[in-house]
Protein backbone atom coordinates (compact mmCIF):
# COMPACT_ATOMS: atom_id res chain seq x y z
CA UNK A 1 46.31 116.79 -170.41
CA UNK A 2 48.34 119.93 -171.20
CA UNK A 3 46.39 123.08 -171.85
CA UNK A 4 46.85 124.89 -175.14
CA UNK A 5 48.65 128.20 -175.06
CA UNK A 6 47.48 130.87 -177.49
CA UNK A 7 48.86 134.30 -178.27
CA UNK A 8 47.30 137.36 -179.86
CA UNK A 9 47.66 141.12 -179.95
CA UNK A 10 46.59 142.75 -176.70
CA UNK A 11 43.26 144.59 -176.71
CA UNK A 12 42.05 147.47 -174.60
CA UNK A 13 39.45 145.09 -173.14
CA UNK A 14 42.39 143.07 -171.69
CA UNK A 15 43.77 145.93 -169.60
CA UNK A 16 42.44 144.88 -166.19
CA UNK A 17 43.59 141.28 -166.63
CA UNK A 18 46.98 142.39 -167.99
CA UNK A 19 47.44 144.66 -164.97
CA UNK A 20 46.62 141.77 -162.66
CA UNK A 21 49.26 139.52 -164.26
CA UNK A 22 51.89 142.28 -164.29
CA UNK A 23 51.22 143.34 -160.70
CA UNK A 24 51.26 139.76 -159.41
CA UNK A 25 54.60 139.05 -161.11
CA UNK A 26 56.04 142.35 -159.90
CA UNK A 27 54.90 141.84 -156.30
CA UNK A 28 56.22 138.29 -156.19
CA UNK A 29 59.60 138.66 -157.89
CA UNK A 30 60.67 142.28 -158.24
CA UNK A 31 59.12 144.46 -155.54
CA UNK A 32 61.03 142.76 -152.68
CA UNK A 33 64.26 144.19 -154.14
CA UNK A 34 62.90 147.71 -154.69
CA UNK A 35 62.59 150.70 -152.38
CA UNK A 36 59.14 152.12 -151.59
CA UNK A 37 59.86 154.79 -154.20
CA UNK A 38 60.61 152.13 -156.83
CA UNK A 39 57.49 150.12 -156.05
CA UNK A 40 55.34 153.25 -156.29
CA UNK A 41 56.99 154.35 -159.56
CA UNK A 42 56.48 150.93 -161.15
CA UNK A 43 52.86 150.69 -160.04
CA UNK A 44 52.19 154.15 -161.43
CA UNK A 45 53.63 153.03 -164.81
CA UNK A 46 51.82 149.68 -164.83
CA UNK A 47 48.37 150.70 -163.58
CA UNK A 48 45.24 150.41 -165.71
CA UNK A 49 44.92 154.09 -166.60
CA UNK A 50 48.57 154.37 -167.65
CA UNK A 51 48.24 151.20 -169.72
CA UNK A 52 45.03 152.46 -171.31
CA UNK A 53 46.81 155.68 -172.26
CA UNK A 54 49.68 153.73 -173.87
CA UNK A 55 47.15 151.60 -175.77
CA UNK A 56 46.10 154.80 -177.57
CA UNK A 57 49.56 154.97 -179.15
CA UNK A 58 49.36 153.23 -182.54
CA UNK A 59 53.10 152.52 -182.34
CA UNK A 60 52.71 150.34 -179.24
CA UNK A 61 53.41 146.65 -179.86
CA UNK A 62 51.64 144.50 -177.27
CA UNK A 63 50.77 140.80 -177.11
CA UNK A 64 49.15 138.53 -174.57
CA UNK A 65 49.54 134.82 -173.96
CA UNK A 66 46.39 132.95 -172.94
CA UNK A 67 45.75 129.56 -171.41
CA UNK A 68 42.08 128.52 -171.37
CA UNK A 69 41.09 132.12 -172.18
CA UNK A 70 42.99 133.43 -169.13
CA UNK A 71 45.83 135.89 -169.75
CA UNK A 72 49.04 134.41 -168.36
CA UNK A 73 51.63 136.63 -170.04
CA UNK A 74 52.11 140.06 -171.53
CA UNK A 75 54.76 141.92 -173.52
CA UNK A 76 54.82 145.59 -174.43
CA UNK A 77 57.31 147.27 -176.75
CA UNK A 78 57.67 150.97 -177.41
CA UNK A 79 59.74 153.06 -179.79
CA UNK A 80 60.06 150.11 -182.20
CA UNK A 81 62.86 148.68 -180.11
CA UNK A 82 62.39 148.77 -176.33
CA UNK A 83 60.68 146.13 -174.20
CA UNK A 84 58.88 148.20 -171.59
CA UNK A 85 56.95 145.35 -169.91
CA UNK A 86 57.25 141.58 -169.98
CA UNK A 87 55.47 139.49 -167.37
CA UNK A 88 54.43 135.86 -167.09
CA UNK A 89 52.27 134.41 -164.33
CA UNK A 90 54.51 132.38 -161.99
CA UNK A 91 52.40 129.26 -162.53
CA UNK A 92 53.47 129.35 -166.18
CA UNK A 93 57.19 130.09 -165.84
CA UNK A 94 59.73 128.02 -167.80
CA UNK A 95 57.20 127.03 -170.47
CA UNK A 96 58.56 129.28 -173.22
CA UNK A 97 55.88 131.94 -172.85
CA UNK A 98 58.29 134.88 -172.52
CA UNK A 99 60.21 133.65 -175.55
CA UNK A 100 57.02 133.23 -177.57
CA UNK A 101 55.82 136.74 -176.66
CA UNK A 102 59.26 138.20 -177.41
CA UNK A 103 59.37 136.46 -180.81
CA UNK A 104 55.95 137.82 -181.73
CA UNK A 105 56.79 141.37 -180.68
CA UNK A 106 60.19 141.31 -182.40
CA UNK A 107 58.64 139.96 -185.61
CA UNK A 108 55.92 142.62 -185.58
CA UNK A 109 58.51 145.38 -185.21
CA UNK A 110 60.82 143.95 -187.89
CA UNK A 111 57.90 143.55 -190.29
CA UNK A 112 57.00 147.21 -189.91
CA UNK A 113 60.57 148.54 -189.45
CA UNK A 114 62.93 146.11 -191.21
CA UNK A 115 65.94 148.34 -190.55
CA UNK A 116 65.62 148.05 -186.77
CA UNK A 117 69.15 147.35 -185.66
CA UNK A 118 68.90 146.61 -181.96
CA UNK A 119 66.40 145.92 -179.23
CA UNK A 120 66.77 147.10 -175.65
CA UNK A 121 65.33 146.44 -172.22
CA UNK A 122 65.95 147.82 -168.76
CA UNK A 123 65.81 144.50 -166.95
CA UNK A 124 65.06 144.07 -163.30
CA UNK A 125 67.87 142.16 -161.56
CA UNK A 126 65.46 139.21 -161.26
CA UNK A 127 64.82 139.00 -165.03
CA UNK A 128 68.43 139.26 -166.28
CA UNK A 129 68.74 135.46 -166.74
CA UNK A 130 65.49 135.42 -168.74
CA UNK A 131 66.69 138.16 -171.07
CA UNK A 132 70.08 136.47 -171.45
CA UNK A 133 68.27 133.32 -172.63
CA UNK A 134 66.46 135.54 -175.17
CA UNK A 135 69.81 136.75 -176.51
CA UNK A 136 70.15 140.07 -174.68
CA UNK A 137 73.46 141.10 -173.10
CA UNK A 138 74.09 143.66 -170.37
CA UNK A 139 75.50 146.91 -171.76
CA UNK A 140 76.01 148.74 -168.47
CA UNK A 141 76.04 148.24 -164.72
CA UNK A 142 72.92 148.20 -162.58
CA UNK A 143 71.28 151.61 -162.32
CA UNK A 144 68.51 153.13 -160.21
CA UNK A 145 66.02 155.69 -161.52
CA UNK A 146 63.04 156.80 -159.43
CA UNK A 147 63.81 153.88 -157.13
CA UNK A 148 63.57 151.36 -159.98
CA UNK A 149 66.61 149.07 -160.17
CA UNK A 150 67.55 147.92 -163.67
CA UNK A 151 70.35 146.63 -165.84
CA UNK A 152 70.37 148.06 -169.39
CA UNK A 153 70.51 145.19 -171.88
CA UNK A 154 70.57 144.98 -175.68
CA UNK A 155 70.13 142.47 -178.46
CA UNK A 156 71.57 143.30 -181.88
């Protein structure tokens, strides 16, 4: 029997579990293509204390996906338009979780800021196909900042 997937806004009490999901996805799919500098920079951004600090920002849009009360996905948007984190546990890939989280986050932003014109993401090379399926298109070549490889993408 298939388990029921639920979504809800992320809570500060979720931080440790969110970090676990994000770090596992990063280590498995993204870190192998990054330099030591890039891995360190990402882990500094995605650690529990950094996430807790971002949770204090009332403008942060963040949702989790849960299966049997276990967090299996997370999305974080900042500045009313930029996906800063999107991760789904590998055991739950290709089940529409990223799309569901993206739809929730986009709807929350558009409800609060109906004039939002475009959404952006700095996608890891690994995630480009995922973002393309969500309607994003590359707007520049691959770049590297602080060792983090990314392709700027946008959805109008």
